[in-house]
Amino acid sequence: MKVRNLFFILLFAIFMIFFAKPVVSKAALSSSVEVGGGFTSLSLSSPSYTGTLSGIGFLEFNYVLKHNSLSSAFVMHFSELLKSEEVLLPLTRFAAGYRFYPMGFNGTRVILDNGVTGRVWKSTPYVGLDFGLVNISIASFNASVVEVSPRFGVELPLADKLMLHASLVLNAGSSAPSESNRSLTYTGITGTLSLIISNL
């Protein structure tokens, strides 16, 4: 299980190295980093265990690569639940995702009637979908789960290159069936509030 987590950390690092640098020279692409926290609550179910995993010590980090002309973004995601019912680090998540911004991005350059170039700053909602691997480790249970999660969010401008980001995620995960009664499914909800440093 540790080897699998190491693989996803390595994949995340490769993505950062090869995709973060070229965005400076490509006008159609821009990137941003999101760092924040929030809460999560999951209802766990397996043949040998039923319970709830929840906590407010939830940390999230996202690297977002935006394609300006398509109003779309690709996301590499890492999150960690620090503590739940006296259990330390009970949940770790690595994921990749896609977002669509129906109203476009913040900071988009526009040409006004008098020929002056400006930027548009506004609230920008989005819808997205994340695919990832979640490791759950509690006192009586340990499992790796594949998760598919719809995500809804909005970005609010605070200053140039700085935005406030709020999101709501509907979590749904399932592990492979196991003869040892260690298969696991869950559903739940995660809410986060984070800061965005944009146009890196």
C-alpha atoms as a PDB file:
ATOM      1  CA  MET A   1       0.000   0.000   0.000  1.00  0.00           C
ATOM      2  CA  LYS A   2       2.944   2.331   0.756  1.00  0.00           C
ATOM      3  CA  VAL A   3       4.407   1.487  -2.666  1.00  0.00           C
ATOM      4  CA  ARG A   4       1.148   2.547  -4.324  1.00  0.00           C
ATOM      5  CA  ASN A   5       1.161   5.868  -2.467  1.00  0.00           C
ATOM      6  CA  LEU A   6       4.802   6.407  -3.450  1.00  0.00           C
ATOM      7  CA  PHE A   7       3.837   5.824  -7.096  1.00  0.00           C
ATOM      8  CA  PHE A   8       1.198   8.566  -6.965  1.00  0.00           C
ATOM      9  CA  ILE A   9       3.593  10.983  -5.261  1.00  0.00           C
ATOM     10  CA  LEU A  10       6.130  10.332  -8.027  1.00  0.00           C
ATOM     11  CA  LEU A  11       3.451  10.830 -10.694  1.00  0.00           C
ATOM     12  CA  PHE A  12       2.468  14.140  -9.101  1.00  0.00           C
ATOM     13  CA  ALA A  13       6.108  15.291  -9.031  1.00  0.00           C
ATOM     14  CA  ILE A  14       6.601  14.413 -12.721  1.00  0.00           C
ATOM     15  CA  PHE A  15       3.478  16.366 -13.631  1.00  0.00           C
ATOM     16  CA  MET A  16       4.757  19.430 -11.756  1.00  0.00           C
ATOM     17  CA  ILE A  17       8.195  19.269 -13.410  1.00  0.00           C
ATOM     18  CA  PHE A  18       7.047  18.822 -16.997  1.00  0.00           C
ATOM     19  CA  PHE A  19       3.860  20.877 -17.030  1.00  0.00           C
ATOM     20  CA  ALA A  20       4.508  23.782 -14.648  1.00  0.00           C
ATOM     21  CA  LYS A  21       7.454  25.295 -16.567  1.00  0.00           C
ATOM     22  CA  PRO A  22       6.113  25.567 -20.151  1.00  0.00           C
ATOM     23  CA  VAL A  23       3.013  27.607 -19.225  1.00  0.00           C
ATOM     24  CA  VAL A  24       5.018  30.848 -19.174  1.00  0.00           C
ATOM     25  CA  SER A  25       5.668  30.738 -22.908  1.00  0.00           C
ATOM     26  CA  LYS A  26       2.242  29.540 -24.012  1.00  0.00           C
ATOM     27  CA  ALA A  27      -0.405  32.272 -24.201  1.00  0.00           C
ATOM     28  CA  ALA A  28      -3.254  29.752 -24.263  1.00  0.00           C
ATOM     29  CA  LEU A  29      -2.177  28.228 -20.943  1.00  0.00           C
ATOM     30  CA  SER A  30      -1.940  29.590 -17.428  1.00  0.00           C
ATOM     31  CA  SER A  31      -1.408  27.904 -14.097  1.00  0.00           C
ATOM     32  CA  SER A  32      -2.332  28.430 -10.473  1.00  0.00           C
ATOM     33  CA  VAL A  33      -1.842  26.856  -7.074  1.00  0.00           C
ATOM     34  CA  GLU A  34      -4.633  26.353  -4.531  1.00  0.00           C
ATOM     35  CA  VAL A  35      -3.878  25.805  -0.832  1.00  0.00           C
ATOM     36  CA  GLY A  36      -6.596  25.523   1.777  1.00  0.00           C
ATOM     37  CA  GLY A  37      -8.555  23.435   4.219  1.00  0.00           C
ATOM     38  CA  GLY A  38     -12.020  22.453   5.316  1.00  0.00           C
ATOM     39  CA  PHE A  39     -14.042  19.493   6.479  1.00  0.00           C
ATOM     40  CA  THR A  40     -14.922  16.028   5.236  1.00  0.00           C
ATOM     41  CA  SER A  41     -17.513  13.445   6.271  1.00  0.00           C
ATOM     42  CA  LEU A  42     -17.635   9.940   4.797  1.00  0.00           C
ATOM     43  CA  SER A  43     -20.018   7.048   5.523  1.00  0.00           C
ATOM     44  CA  LEU A  44     -17.951   3.852   5.324  1.00  0.00           C
ATOM     45  CA  SER A  45     -19.397   0.418   4.655  1.00  0.00           C
ATOM     46  CA  SER A  46     -17.779  -3.011   4.380  1.00  0.00           C
ATOM     47  CA  PRO A  47     -18.694  -6.608   5.307  1.00  0.00           C
ATOM     48  CA  SER A  48     -16.825  -6.267   8.601  1.00  0.00           C
ATOM     49  CA  TYR A  49     -17.116  -2.569   9.436  1.00  0.00           C
ATOM     50  CA  THR A  50     -19.633   0.276   9.261  1.00  0.00           C
ATOM     51  CA  GLY A  51     -18.907   3.758  10.501  1.00  0.00           C
ATOM     52  CA  THR A  52     -18.277   7.421   9.768  1.00  0.00           C
ATOM     53  CA  LEU A  53     -14.969   9.091   9.034  1.00  0.00           C
ATOM     54  CA  SER A  54     -15.140  12.844   9.568  1.00  0.00           C
ATOM     55  CA  GLY A  55     -13.051  15.799  10.668  1.00  0.00           C
ATOM     56  CA  ILE A  56     -12.418  19.513  10.200  1.00  0.00           C
ATOM     57  CA  GLY A  57      -8.636  19.213   9.968  1.00  0.00           C
ATOM     58  CA  PHE A  58      -8.727  18.625   6.211  1.00  0.00           C
ATOM     59  CA  LEU A  59      -5.886  20.064   4.096  1.00  0.00           C
ATOM     60  CA  GLU A  60      -5.944  20.354   0.295  1.00  0.00           C
ATOM     61  CA  PHE A  61      -3.381  21.278  -2.359  1.00  0.00           C
ATOM     62  CA  ASN A  62      -4.203  21.643  -6.066  1.00  0.00           C
ATOM     63  CA  TYR A  63      -2.060  22.498  -9.064  1.00  0.00           C
ATOM     64  CA  VAL A  64      -4.335  23.802 -11.820  1.00  0.00           C
ATOM     65  CA  LEU A  65      -3.370  24.093 -15.487  1.00  0.00           C
ATOM     66  CA  LYS A  66      -5.915  26.242 -17.346  1.00  0.00           C
ATOM     67  CA  HIS A  67      -6.598  26.310 -21.077  1.00  0.00           C
ATOM     68  CA  ASN A  68      -7.928  29.822 -21.614  1.00  0.00           C
ATOM     69  CA  SER A  69      -9.589  29.389 -25.003  1.00  0.00           C
ATOM     70  CA  LEU A  70     -11.491  26.257 -23.877  1.00  0.00           C
ATOM     71  CA  SER A  71     -12.527  27.626 -20.443  1.00  0.00           C
ATOM     72  CA  SER A  72     -11.248  24.329 -19.043  1.00  0.00           C
ATOM     73  CA  ALA A  73      -8.656  23.252 -16.499  1.00  0.00           C
ATOM     74  CA  PHE A  74      -6.745  20.092 -15.626  1.00  0.00           C
ATOM     75  CA  VAL A  75      -5.963  19.516 -11.963  1.00  0.00           C
ATOM     76  CA  MET A  76      -3.481  17.510  -9.912  1.00  0.00           C
ATOM     77  CA  HIS A  77      -4.811  17.108  -6.384  1.00  0.00           C
ATOM     78  CA  PHE A  78      -3.449  16.084  -2.986  1.00  0.00           C
ATOM     79  CA  SER A  79      -5.374  16.157   0.298  1.00  0.00           C
ATOM     80  CA  GLU A  80      -5.000  14.836   3.816  1.00  0.00           C
ATOM     81  CA  LEU A  81      -7.290  14.491   6.820  1.00  0.00           C
ATOM     82  CA  LEU A  82      -5.057  15.223   9.805  1.00  0.00           C
ATOM     83  CA  LYS A  83      -7.152  13.706  12.577  1.00  0.00           C
ATOM     84  CA  SER A  84     -10.476  11.967  13.187  1.00  0.00           C
ATOM     85  CA  GLU A  85     -11.598  10.519  16.526  1.00  0.00           C
ATOM     86  CA  GLU A  86      -8.054  10.276  17.930  1.00  0.00           C
ATOM     87  CA  VAL A  87      -6.732   8.663  14.716  1.00  0.00           C
ATOM     88  CA  LEU A  88      -3.900  10.573  13.042  1.00  0.00           C
ATOM     89  CA  LEU A  89      -3.778  10.850   9.229  1.00  0.00           C
ATOM     90  CA  PRO A  90      -6.734   8.520   8.589  1.00  0.00           C
ATOM     91  CA  LEU A  91      -7.220   9.637   4.971  1.00  0.00           C
ATOM     92  CA  THR A  92      -4.855  10.498   2.112  1.00  0.00           C
ATOM     93  CA  ARG A  93      -6.014  11.306  -1.416  1.00  0.00           C
ATOM     94  CA  PHE A  94      -4.181  11.673  -4.750  1.00  0.00           C
ATOM     95  CA  ALA A  95      -6.313  12.571  -7.750  1.00  0.00           C
ATOM     96  CA  ALA A  96      -6.424  14.072 -11.225  1.00  0.00           C
ATOM     97  CA  GLY A  97      -9.391  16.113 -12.369  1.00  0.00           C
ATOM     98  CA  TYR A  98     -11.057  18.247 -14.997  1.00  0.00           C
ATOM     99  CA  ARG A  99     -12.959  21.523 -14.532  1.00  0.00           C
ATOM    100  CA  PHE A 100     -15.180  23.513 -16.864  1.00  0.00           C
ATOM    101  CA  TYR A 101     -15.809  27.233 -16.310  1.00  0.00           C
ATOM    102  CA  PRO A 102     -19.072  28.176 -18.098  1.00  0.00           C
ATOM    103  CA  MET A 103     -18.476  31.919 -17.511  1.00  0.00           C
ATOM    104  CA  GLY A 104     -14.780  31.869 -18.373  1.00  0.00           C
ATOM    105  CA  PHE A 105     -11.770  32.583 -16.165  1.00  0.00           C
ATOM    106  CA  ASN A 106     -10.891  35.462 -13.896  1.00  0.00           C
ATOM    107  CA  GLY A 107      -8.353  37.938 -15.219  1.00  0.00           C
ATOM    108  CA  THR A 108      -9.236  37.386 -18.875  1.00  0.00           C
ATOM    109  CA  ARG A 109      -7.820  40.128 -21.136  1.00  0.00           C
ATOM    110  CA  VAL A 110     -10.397  42.082 -23.138  1.00  0.00           C
ATOM    111  CA  ILE A 111     -10.184  44.953 -25.635  1.00  0.00           C
ATOM    112  CA  LEU A 112     -12.569  47.820 -24.883  1.00  0.00           C
ATOM    113  CA  ASP A 113     -14.278  50.038 -27.473  1.00  0.00           C
ATOM    114  CA  ASN A 114     -11.541  52.664 -27.257  1.00  0.00           C
ATOM    115  CA  GLY A 115      -8.848  50.063 -27.915  1.00  0.00           C
ATOM    116  CA  VAL A 116      -7.643  49.921 -24.321  1.00  0.00           C
ATOM    117  CA  THR A 117      -6.758  46.458 -23.040  1.00  0.00           C
ATOM    118  CA  GLY A 118      -8.082  45.453 -19.632  1.00  0.00           C
ATOM    119  CA  ARG A 119      -8.799  42.451 -17.443  1.00  0.00           C
ATOM    120  CA  VAL A 120     -12.171  41.141 -16.286  1.00  0.00           C
ATOM    121  CA  TRP A 121     -12.429  40.226 -12.592  1.00  0.00           C
ATOM    122  CA  LYS A 122     -15.621  38.523 -11.477  1.00  0.00           C
ATOM    123  CA  SER A 123     -16.996  35.530  -9.600  1.00  0.00           C
ATOM    124  CA  THR A 124     -16.349  32.455 -11.740  1.00  0.00           C
ATOM    125  CA  PRO A 125     -18.174  29.208 -10.932  1.00  0.00           C
ATOM    126  CA  TYR A 126     -17.100  25.834 -12.294  1.00  0.00           C
ATOM    127  CA  VAL A 127     -18.101  22.185 -12.382  1.00  0.00           C
ATOM    128  CA  GLY A 128     -15.567  19.383 -12.318  1.00  0.00           C
ATOM    129  CA  LEU A 129     -14.854  15.705 -11.924  1.00  0.00           C
ATOM    130  CA  ASP A 130     -11.971  14.109  -9.996  1.00  0.00           C
ATOM    131  CA  PHE A 131     -10.551  10.583 -10.355  1.00  0.00           C
ATOM    132  CA  GLY A 132      -8.176   9.354  -7.691  1.00  0.00           C
ATOM    133  CA  LEU A 133      -6.818   6.894  -5.178  1.00  0.00           C
ATOM    134  CA  VAL A 134      -7.696   7.225  -1.499  1.00  0.00           C
ATOM    135  CA  ASN A 135      -5.949   5.443   1.343  1.00  0.00           C
ATOM    136  CA  ILE A 136      -8.084   5.051   4.490  1.00  0.00           C
ATOM    137  CA  SER A 137      -6.387   3.919   7.685  1.00  0.00           C
ATOM    138  CA  ILE A 138      -8.332   3.800  10.934  1.00  0.00           C
ATOM    139  CA  ALA A 139      -8.016   1.720  14.101  1.00  0.00           C
ATOM    140  CA  SER A 140      -9.954  -1.284  12.802  1.00  0.00           C
ATOM    141  CA  PHE A 141      -9.619  -0.890   9.066  1.00  0.00           C
ATOM    142  CA  ASN A 142      -7.116  -0.122   6.307  1.00  0.00           C
ATOM    143  CA  ALA A 143      -7.974   0.013   2.595  1.00  0.00           C
ATOM    144  CA  SER A 144      -7.069   1.635  -0.725  1.00  0.00           C
ATOM    145  CA  VAL A 145     -10.083   2.944  -2.598  1.00  0.00           C
ATOM    146  CA  VAL A 146     -10.681   4.264  -6.115  1.00  0.00           C
ATOM    147  CA  GLU A 147     -12.746   7.446  -5.941  1.00  0.00           C
ATOM    148  CA  VAL A 148     -14.803   9.349  -8.545  1.00  0.00           C
ATOM    149  CA  SER A 149     -16.037  12.695  -7.251  1.00  0.00           C
ATOM    150  CA  PRO A 150     -18.081  15.508  -8.828  1.00  0.00           C
ATOM    151  CA  ARG A 151     -16.852  18.930  -7.687  1.00  0.00           C
ATOM    152  CA  PHE A 152     -18.621  22.299  -7.666  1.00  0.00           C
ATOM    153  CA  GLY A 153     -16.826  25.544  -6.866  1.00  0.00           C
ATOM    154  CA  VAL A 154     -16.499  29.277  -7.300  1.00  0.00           C
ATOM    155  CA  GLU A 155     -13.487  31.589  -7.467  1.00  0.00           C
ATOM    156  CA  LEU A 156     -13.735  35.114  -6.030  1.00  0.00           C
ATOM    157  CA  PRO A 157     -11.082  37.757  -6.849  1.00  0.00           C
ATOM    158  CA  LEU A 158      -9.342  39.414  -3.892  1.00  0.00           C
ATOM    159  CA  ALA A 159      -6.389  41.099  -5.600  1.00  0.00           C
ATOM    160  CA  ASP A 160      -4.240  40.769  -8.686  1.00  0.00           C
ATOM    161  CA  LYS A 161      -3.175  37.098  -8.906  1.00  0.00           C
ATOM    162  CA  LEU A 162      -4.916  36.283  -5.613  1.00  0.00           C
ATOM    163  CA  MET A 163      -8.374  34.710  -5.306  1.00  0.00           C
ATOM    164  CA  LEU A 164     -10.585  33.018  -2.759  1.00  0.00           C
ATOM    165  CA  HIS A 165     -11.806  29.560  -3.729  1.00  0.00           C
ATOM    166  CA  ALA A 166     -14.754  27.657  -2.232  1.00  0.00           C
ATOM    167  CA  SER A 167     -15.652  24.129  -3.324  1.00  0.00           C
ATOM    168  CA  LEU A 168     -18.049  21.317  -2.510  1.00  0.00           C
ATOM    169  CA  VAL A 169     -17.151  17.723  -3.422  1.00  0.00           C
ATOM    170  CA  LEU A 170     -19.492  14.725  -3.510  1.00  0.00           C
ATOM    171  CA  ASN A 171     -17.281  11.770  -2.624  1.00  0.00           C
ATOM    172  CA  ALA A 172     -17.953   8.222  -3.811  1.00  0.00           C
ATOM    173  CA  GLY A 173     -15.386   5.443  -3.580  1.00  0.00           C
ATOM    174  CA  SER A 174     -15.074   1.678  -3.794  1.00  0.00           C
ATOM    175  CA  SER A 175     -12.279  -0.848  -3.361  1.00  0.00           C
ATOM    176  CA  ALA A 176     -11.933  -4.175  -5.142  1.00  0.00           C
ATOM    177  CA  PRO A 177     -13.868  -7.095  -3.599  1.00  0.00           C
ATOM    178  CA  SER A 178     -11.805  -9.058  -1.102  1.00  0.00           C
ATOM    179  CA  GLU A 179     -12.203 -12.538   0.374  1.00  0.00           C
ATOM    180  CA  SER A 180     -10.825 -11.215   3.676  1.00  0.00           C
ATOM    181  CA  ASN A 181     -13.848  -8.940   4.178  1.00  0.00           C
ATOM    182  CA  ARG A 182     -11.682  -5.879   3.595  1.00  0.00           C
ATOM    183  CA  SER A 183     -13.581  -4.477   0.622  1.00  0.00           C
ATOM    184  CA  LEU A 184     -14.911  -0.989   1.266  1.00  0.00           C
ATOM    185  CA  THR A 185     -17.375   1.472  -0.247  1.00  0.00           C
ATOM    186  CA  TYR A 186     -18.233   4.957   0.927  1.00  0.00           C
ATOM    187  CA  THR A 187     -20.137   8.119   0.076  1.00  0.00           C
ATOM    188  CA  GLY A 188     -19.776  11.525   1.612  1.00  0.00           C
ATOM    189  CA  ILE A 189     -19.163  15.222   1.252  1.00  0.00           C
ATOM    190  CA  THR A 190     -16.134  17.514   1.473  1.00  0.00           C
ATOM    191  CA  GLY A 191     -16.129  21.296   1.699  1.00  0.00           C
ATOM    192  CA  THR A 192     -13.016  23.453   1.347  1.00  0.00           C
ATOM    193  CA  LEU A 193     -12.006  27.099   1.440  1.00  0.00           C
ATOM    194  CA  SER A 194      -8.649  28.004  -0.074  1.00  0.00           C
ATOM    195  CA  LEU A 195      -6.494  30.741  -1.538  1.00  0.00           C
ATOM    196  CA  ILE A 196      -5.468  30.732  -5.191  1.00  0.00           C
ATOM    197  CA  ILE A 197      -2.195  32.193  -6.445  1.00  0.00           C
ATOM    198  CA  SER A 198      -2.817  32.525 -10.177  1.00  0.00           C
ATOM    199  CA  ASN A 199      -0.847  33.125 -13.397  1.00  0.00           C
ATOM    200  CA  LEU A 200       2.359  31.549 -12.109  1.00  0.00           C
END
